[in-house]
Amino acid sequence: MDHVEKNTDESVVNIFADTCVWLDLAKQSDGGKVIAILRELSNRGKIQLIVPQIVLDEFERNKDRIQADMKRSVGAKFREVRNAIDEHGSGEGRREAISQLDNITHQMPLINQMATQNFDAIIQMLQAGKTVVPSNGLHQRVVERALDKRAPFHREKNSVADAMLIEMYGVLTKDAKDDLEQYCFITHNIKDFSAVDGDTRHPHPDFAEFFGNQSSRYFTGLETALKTYVPDDVIELDLEFESYEEPRSLDEIHPFLDKLLDQIWYNRHKNREYQIETGKIKLVEKWQRNSSHNTIQRSIWEGAQAAALEIEEKYGKEELGPWDDFEWGMLSGKVSTIRWMLGEDWESTLDT
């Protein structure tokens, strides 16, 4: 007899997901947020991941191939769009499109890195789940299912792995009690698991025995399942992780960097203004090299004063200091970090 230990904590939803669900999650643009929500729900004891060893093995086996495909796909699409704009674009629309492409160019390495992080995070999450392995009796049922041409063998293809998954799920749920133990099977593979020529949100009739009551449900989307079982938690966490790990565009970064540089320049300007007022620096009509360390040419200083007024009007004096040593260090650190992220050498990022 097959035996799988069950978790009888009534507050836990046992999630049994096909490999394709985790691979697709790793490729989602907001995959990092969904992973963070799953991790938090697990920490709260609201869900438990049931992870067949064959799912973990298949996920790890496909990781490198899919990551490489993602990078090639993004790069190819980017080149295709750029070529089209170069050939057909004109005027302001062309300039705006080029600006957006520059944003994408900047974000592509970050997006690729985030995809790698998603894969690693999912592997860690699966490894922390409850691992299940098939028994000898289960193998026999898979063979019988294949001989009878029952789903997932109804499509004349090698579906042994899919059959192993659904039979393992059946072992887990056959003794589940309504309202005490909740299980769900999640897959994106609707051709092998969903109803044929019907509502693909329902399982194939050949799997009816596994979904005979409310303790076991079938889903074709991970987020749909979560919203069904723990809607309040999902809403709360969705807001909490609303901007989770989304790379910022150049259009957002450059104005922020410009403001930081203006704030630093203005602070230095006010320090120099104080030195002029106290006589440590003198205004001269013509700059001379031998006295450059303690003099400023009057016309240059007048231009600096005008620039300072423009900065005051642009940001308001409340945004311009004065800064104590800690705040000054924070400003300089932000500038250095942003310039490094934009590609400057680390040793030159504080050159202002």
Protein backbone atom coordinates (compact mmCIF):
# COMPACT_ATOMS: atom_id res chain seq x y z
CA MET A 1 0.00 0.00 0.00
CA ASP A 2 1.21 3.53 -0.82
CA HIS A 3 1.68 5.72 2.18
CA VAL A 4 2.35 9.47 2.27
CA GLU A 5 2.34 11.29 5.58
CA LYS A 6 -0.28 14.01 5.63
CA ASN A 7 -0.28 17.36 7.37
CA THR A 8 -3.54 17.62 9.33
CA ASP A 9 -3.16 21.31 10.26
CA GLU A 10 -6.48 22.70 9.03
CA SER A 11 -4.96 26.12 8.36
CA VAL A 12 -2.51 24.81 5.75
CA VAL A 13 -3.24 24.51 2.04
CA ASN A 14 -1.11 21.80 0.45
CA ILE A 15 0.06 22.97 -2.98
CA PHE A 16 1.14 20.33 -5.50
CA ALA A 17 2.36 22.07 -8.66
CA ASP A 18 3.59 20.73 -11.98
CA THR A 19 7.14 21.61 -13.10
CA CYS A 20 5.83 23.95 -15.80
CA VAL A 21 4.23 26.16 -13.13
CA TRP A 22 7.60 26.81 -11.49
CA LEU A 23 9.44 27.28 -14.81
CA ASP A 24 6.84 29.80 -15.98
CA LEU A 25 7.00 31.61 -12.64
CA ALA A 26 10.77 32.00 -13.01
CA LYS A 27 10.20 33.69 -16.39
CA GLN A 28 7.47 36.10 -15.22
CA SER A 29 8.37 39.79 -15.13
CA ASP A 30 6.84 39.99 -11.64
CA GLY A 31 8.07 36.54 -10.64
CA GLY A 32 10.14 37.94 -7.79
CA LYS A 33 7.05 39.40 -6.16
CA VAL A 34 5.07 36.17 -6.46
CA ILE A 35 7.99 34.18 -5.02
CA ALA A 36 8.17 36.59 -2.08
CA ILE A 37 4.43 36.17 -1.48
CA LEU A 38 4.74 32.37 -1.57
CA ARG A 39 7.64 32.47 0.86
CA GLU A 40 5.73 34.68 3.28
CA LEU A 41 2.57 32.53 3.07
CA SER A 42 4.70 29.50 3.85
CA ASN A 43 6.32 31.28 6.80
CA ARG A 44 2.87 32.18 8.11
CA GLY A 45 1.81 28.55 7.93
CA LYS A 46 -0.91 29.24 5.35
CA ILE A 47 0.51 27.01 2.60
CA GLN A 48 2.80 24.02 2.29
CA LEU A 49 4.51 23.08 -0.95
CA ILE A 50 4.33 19.39 -1.80
CA VAL A 51 7.31 18.76 -4.06
CA PRO A 52 7.73 15.49 -5.97
CA GLN A 53 11.40 14.75 -6.47
CA ILE A 54 10.83 14.46 -10.23
CA VAL A 55 9.57 18.08 -10.25
CA LEU A 56 12.68 19.35 -8.48
CA ASP A 57 14.94 17.31 -10.77
CA GLU A 58 13.17 18.50 -13.92
CA PHE A 59 13.24 22.13 -12.80
CA GLU A 60 16.98 22.03 -12.15
CA ARG A 61 17.57 20.17 -15.43
CA ASN A 62 15.80 22.88 -17.47
CA LYS A 63 17.16 25.90 -15.60
CA ASP A 64 20.23 26.68 -17.76
CA ARG A 65 18.44 26.06 -21.07
CA ILE A 66 15.51 28.34 -20.27
CA GLN A 67 17.74 31.10 -18.92
CA ALA A 68 19.76 31.04 -22.15
CA ASP A 69 16.56 31.08 -24.23
CA MET A 70 15.26 34.07 -22.28
CA LYS A 71 18.42 36.08 -22.89
CA ARG A 72 18.45 35.25 -26.60
CA SER A 73 14.77 36.09 -26.94
CA VAL A 74 15.07 39.48 -25.26
CA GLY A 75 18.17 40.37 -27.27
CA ALA A 76 16.55 39.34 -30.57
CA LYS A 77 13.39 41.32 -29.91
CA PHE A 78 15.43 44.37 -28.94
CA ARG A 79 17.46 44.25 -32.17
CA GLU A 80 14.30 43.76 -34.24
CA VAL A 81 12.62 46.81 -32.73
CA ARG A 82 15.70 48.97 -33.08
CA ASN A 83 16.11 48.04 -36.75
CA ALA A 84 12.46 48.86 -37.42
CA ILE A 85 12.78 52.28 -35.76
CA ASP A 86 16.01 53.06 -37.61
CA GLU A 87 14.33 52.20 -40.91
CA HIS A 88 10.88 53.72 -40.47
CA GLY A 89 11.05 56.15 -37.54
CA SER A 90 11.15 59.93 -37.84
CA GLY A 91 10.67 63.12 -35.84
CA GLU A 92 9.78 63.31 -32.16
CA GLY A 93 8.30 59.82 -32.16
CA ARG A 94 11.61 58.35 -33.25
CA ARG A 95 13.51 60.23 -30.53
CA GLU A 96 11.07 59.05 -27.88
CA ALA A 97 11.36 55.47 -29.10
CA ILE A 98 15.16 55.63 -29.02
CA SER A 99 14.94 56.97 -25.46
CA GLN A 100 12.80 54.01 -24.44
CA LEU A 101 15.22 51.63 -26.12
CA ASP A 102 18.04 53.17 -24.12
CA ASN A 103 16.01 52.41 -21.00
CA ILE A 104 15.63 48.79 -22.10
CA THR A 105 19.36 48.56 -22.86
CA HIS A 106 20.07 49.67 -19.32
CA GLN A 107 17.54 47.28 -17.82
CA MET A 108 18.43 44.15 -19.80
CA PRO A 109 21.37 43.07 -17.60
CA LEU A 110 19.23 43.68 -14.51
CA ILE A 111 16.31 41.73 -15.96
CA ASN A 112 18.58 38.82 -16.88
CA GLN A 113 20.09 38.83 -13.39
CA MET A 114 16.63 38.93 -11.82
CA ALA A 115 15.64 35.90 -13.87
CA THR A 116 18.66 34.04 -12.50
CA GLN A 117 17.68 35.08 -8.98
CA ASN A 118 14.13 33.83 -9.61
CA PHE A 119 15.39 30.39 -10.59
CA ASP A 120 17.65 30.19 -7.53
CA ALA A 121 14.88 31.39 -5.21
CA ILE A 122 12.43 28.83 -6.58
CA ILE A 123 14.93 25.99 -6.15
CA GLN A 124 15.48 27.01 -2.53
CA MET A 125 11.73 27.19 -1.99
CA LEU A 126 11.14 23.75 -3.53
CA GLN A 127 13.97 22.22 -1.53
CA ALA A 128 12.36 23.59 1.63
CA GLY A 129 9.01 22.02 0.71
CA LYS A 130 7.76 18.56 1.60
CA THR A 131 9.39 16.08 -0.77
CA VAL A 132 7.43 13.03 -1.94
CA VAL A 133 8.62 10.09 -4.03
CA PRO A 134 6.65 7.41 -5.88
CA SER A 135 6.24 3.88 -4.52
CA ASN A 136 6.35 0.58 -6.41
CA GLY A 137 2.57 0.32 -6.39
CA LEU A 138 2.33 3.74 -8.00
CA HIS A 139 4.51 2.65 -10.90
CA GLN A 140 2.09 -0.17 -11.57
CA ARG A 141 -0.85 2.22 -11.76
CA VAL A 142 1.04 4.39 -14.24
CA VAL A 143 1.58 1.34 -16.46
CA GLU A 144 -2.10 0.43 -16.26
CA ARG A 145 -3.08 4.00 -17.12
CA ALA A 146 -0.83 3.89 -20.18
CA LEU A 147 -2.22 0.54 -21.35
CA ASP A 148 -5.78 1.87 -21.00
CA LYS A 149 -4.90 5.07 -22.94
CA ARG A 150 -6.28 7.14 -20.11
CA ALA A 151 -5.09 10.73 -19.66
CA PRO A 152 -2.41 11.89 -19.80
CA PHE A 153 -1.72 9.07 -22.32
CA HIS A 154 -4.68 10.10 -24.51
CA ARG A 155 -2.45 12.19 -26.79
CA GLU A 156 -0.17 9.42 -28.10
CA LYS A 157 3.00 10.82 -26.51
CA ASN A 158 5.37 9.88 -23.72
CA SER A 159 3.49 11.11 -20.65
CA VAL A 160 5.04 8.91 -17.98
CA ALA A 161 6.28 11.86 -15.89
CA ASP A 162 2.86 13.53 -16.04
CA ALA A 163 1.15 10.27 -15.07
CA MET A 164 3.55 9.85 -12.15
CA LEU A 165 2.63 13.31 -10.90
CA ILE A 166 -1.12 12.86 -11.00
CA GLU A 167 -0.93 9.39 -9.44
CA MET A 168 1.28 10.72 -6.63
CA TYR A 169 -1.25 13.46 -6.07
CA GLY A 170 -3.98 10.85 -5.92
CA VAL A 171 -2.12 8.99 -3.16
CA LEU A 172 -1.87 12.19 -1.14
CA THR A 173 -5.53 13.10 -1.43
CA LYS A 174 -7.40 9.78 -1.37
CA ASP A 175 -7.99 9.91 2.40
CA ALA A 176 -8.23 13.70 2.75
CA LYS A 177 -11.13 14.89 4.89
CA ASP A 178 -13.33 17.79 3.79
CA ASP A 179 -12.64 21.05 5.66
CA LEU A 180 -9.70 19.46 7.49
CA GLU A 181 -7.18 18.86 4.74
CA GLN A 182 -6.98 21.02 1.65
CA TYR A 183 -5.03 19.99 -1.44
CA CYS A 184 -4.73 21.52 -4.87
CA PHE A 185 -3.09 20.35 -8.08
CA ILE A 186 -1.79 23.19 -10.26
CA THR A 187 -0.59 22.90 -13.85
CA HIS A 188 -0.24 25.02 -16.98
CA ASN A 189 -0.23 21.86 -19.10
CA ILE A 190 -3.90 21.98 -20.04
CA LYS A 191 -3.44 19.68 -23.07
CA ASP A 192 -2.48 16.74 -20.88
CA PHE A 193 -4.44 17.45 -17.71
CA SER A 194 -7.50 19.57 -18.53
CA ALA A 195 -10.88 18.63 -19.99
CA VAL A 196 -10.81 18.07 -23.75
CA ASP A 197 -13.06 20.35 -25.85
CA GLY A 198 -14.43 21.93 -22.70
CA ASP A 199 -13.57 24.32 -19.91
CA THR A 200 -9.83 23.89 -19.43
CA ARG A 201 -10.17 25.07 -15.84
CA HIS A 202 -11.62 21.62 -15.11
CA PRO A 203 -9.57 18.41 -14.98
CA HIS A 204 -9.79 15.71 -17.61
CA PRO A 205 -12.57 13.21 -16.80
CA ASP A 206 -9.92 10.47 -16.43
CA PHE A 207 -8.76 12.27 -13.29
CA ALA A 208 -12.23 12.62 -11.75
CA GLU A 209 -11.39 10.24 -8.89
CA PHE A 210 -8.72 12.67 -7.64
CA PHE A 211 -11.03 15.70 -7.52
CA GLY A 212 -14.21 14.25 -6.09
CA ASN A 213 -14.74 16.71 -3.22
CA GLN A 214 -13.84 20.19 -1.97
CA SER A 215 -10.73 18.93 -0.18
CA SER A 216 -9.03 18.50 -3.57
CA ARG A 217 -9.20 21.08 -6.33
CA TYR A 218 -7.73 21.58 -9.78
CA PHE A 219 -6.20 24.88 -10.99
CA THR A 220 -4.44 26.07 -14.11
CA GLY A 221 -2.88 29.09 -12.41
CA LEU A 222 -0.86 29.49 -9.23
CA GLU A 223 -2.15 32.95 -8.41
CA THR A 224 -5.75 31.85 -8.99
CA ALA A 225 -5.26 29.08 -6.44
CA LEU A 226 -3.75 31.45 -3.88
CA LYS A 227 -6.57 33.96 -4.30
CA THR A 228 -9.09 31.15 -3.86
CA TYR A 229 -7.67 29.82 -0.60
CA VAL A 230 -6.05 32.85 1.09
CA PRO A 231 -7.48 35.95 -0.63
CA ASP A 232 -6.97 38.35 2.28
CA ASP A 233 -3.32 37.39 2.71
CA VAL A 234 -2.69 37.71 -1.03
CA ILE A 235 -4.22 41.20 -1.15
CA GLU A 236 -2.15 42.30 1.84
CA LEU A 237 1.09 40.85 0.52
CA ASP A 238 0.44 42.04 -3.03
CA LEU A 239 0.34 45.61 -1.73
CA GLU A 240 3.37 45.03 0.48
CA PHE A 241 5.45 43.73 -2.45
CA GLU A 242 3.86 46.02 -5.05
CA SER A 243 7.14 47.31 -6.43
CA TYR A 244 9.20 44.23 -5.63
CA GLU A 245 12.52 44.16 -7.50
CA GLU A 246 11.42 46.14 -10.54
CA PRO A 247 14.42 47.77 -12.24
CA ARG A 248 14.19 51.53 -12.62
CA SER A 249 14.41 53.17 -16.03
CA LEU A 250 17.03 55.71 -17.10
CA ASP A 251 14.24 58.31 -17.30
CA GLU A 252 13.72 57.80 -13.56
CA ILE A 253 17.38 57.45 -12.58
CA HIS A 254 18.89 60.46 -14.36
CA PRO A 255 16.63 63.15 -12.82
CA PHE A 256 17.30 61.69 -9.36
CA LEU A 257 21.06 61.71 -10.02
CA ASP A 258 20.88 65.27 -11.39
CA LYS A 259 19.15 66.43 -8.20
CA LEU A 260 21.81 64.80 -6.01
CA LEU A 261 24.58 66.46 -8.02
CA ASP A 262 22.80 69.83 -7.80
CA GLN A 263 22.45 69.43 -4.02
CA ILE A 264 26.15 68.64 -3.65
CA TRP A 265 27.17 71.54 -5.89
CA TYR A 266 24.89 73.95 -4.01
CA ASN A 267 26.36 72.91 -0.66
CA ARG A 268 29.89 73.52 -1.93
CA HIS A 269 28.76 76.83 -3.40
CA LYS A 270 27.38 77.99 -0.03
CA ASN A 271 30.64 76.99 1.68
CA ARG A 272 32.56 79.07 -0.83
CA GLU A 273 30.12 81.95 -0.31
CA TYR A 274 30.91 81.84 3.42
CA GLN A 275 34.63 81.90 2.68
CA ILE A 276 34.15 85.00 0.51
CA GLU A 277 32.10 86.73 3.22
CA THR A 278 34.77 85.99 5.84
CA GLY A 279 37.63 87.11 3.59
CA LYS A 280 39.26 83.73 3.15
CA ILE A 281 38.60 83.96 -0.58
CA LYS A 282 38.78 87.24 -2.51
CA LEU A 283 36.95 88.28 -5.67
CA VAL A 284 39.25 89.48 -8.45
CA GLU A 285 38.56 90.99 -11.84
CA LYS A 286 40.96 88.64 -13.64
CA TRP A 287 42.03 85.14 -12.72
CA GLN A 288 45.72 84.60 -12.04
CA ARG A 289 47.37 81.20 -11.64
CA ASN A 290 49.64 82.16 -8.74
CA SER A 291 46.67 83.16 -6.55
CA SER A 292 44.05 80.70 -7.76
CA HIS A 293 43.79 78.86 -4.44
CA ASN A 294 42.28 81.86 -2.60
CA THR A 295 40.68 83.98 -5.34
CA ILE A 296 37.67 83.74 -7.66
CA GLN A 297 37.15 85.79 -10.77
CA ARG A 298 34.16 88.07 -10.21
CA SER A 299 32.36 87.21 -13.48
CA ILE A 300 32.62 83.48 -12.70
CA TRP A 301 31.27 84.05 -9.19
CA GLU A 302 28.35 86.07 -10.54
CA GLY A 303 27.49 83.17 -12.86
CA ALA A 304 27.67 80.77 -9.91
CA GLN A 305 25.33 83.01 -7.92
CA ALA A 306 22.83 82.99 -10.76
CA ALA A 307 23.07 79.19 -11.02
CA ALA A 308 22.47 78.87 -7.27
CA LEU A 309 19.28 80.96 -7.58
CA GLU A 310 18.04 78.68 -10.35
CA ILE A 311 18.63 75.63 -8.16
CA GLU A 312 16.77 77.29 -5.25
CA GLU A 313 13.81 77.98 -7.52
CA LYS A 314 13.89 74.47 -8.93
CA TYR A 315 13.96 72.51 -5.66
CA GLY A 316 13.19 74.98 -2.87
CA LYS A 317 15.70 75.86 -0.13
CA GLU A 318 14.30 73.15 2.15
CA GLU A 319 15.76 70.54 -0.24
CA LEU A 320 19.23 72.12 -0.25
CA GLY A 321 20.64 71.68 3.22
CA PRO A 322 22.63 72.62 5.14
CA TRP A 323 23.86 69.05 5.60
CA ASP A 324 25.60 67.58 8.64
CA ASP A 325 28.43 65.08 8.15
CA PHE A 326 26.07 62.08 8.14
CA GLU A 327 23.70 63.62 5.58
CA TRP A 328 26.63 64.70 3.44
CA GLY A 329 27.94 61.15 3.48
CA MET A 330 24.51 59.83 2.48
CA LEU A 331 24.32 62.20 -0.49
CA SER A 332 27.81 61.26 -1.66
CA GLY A 333 27.10 57.54 -1.20
CA LYS A 334 23.92 57.72 -3.26
CA VAL A 335 25.73 59.52 -6.08
CA SER A 336 28.57 57.01 -6.03
CA THR A 337 26.22 54.02 -6.08
CA ILE A 338 24.06 55.31 -8.92
CA ARG A 339 27.00 56.27 -11.09
CA TRP A 340 28.55 52.84 -10.52
CA MET A 341 25.28 51.17 -11.54
CA LEU A 342 25.26 53.28 -14.71
CA GLY A 343 28.65 51.89 -15.67
CA GLU A 344 31.30 54.24 -14.24
CA ASP A 345 34.48 52.90 -12.67
CA TRP A 346 34.02 52.60 -8.91
CA GLU A 347 37.10 54.70 -8.13
CA SER A 348 35.77 57.68 -10.13
CA THR A 349 32.14 57.67 -8.99
CA LEU A 350 32.71 60.39 -6.37
CA ASP A 351 34.34 62.77 -8.82
CA THR A 352 31.91 65.71 -8.84
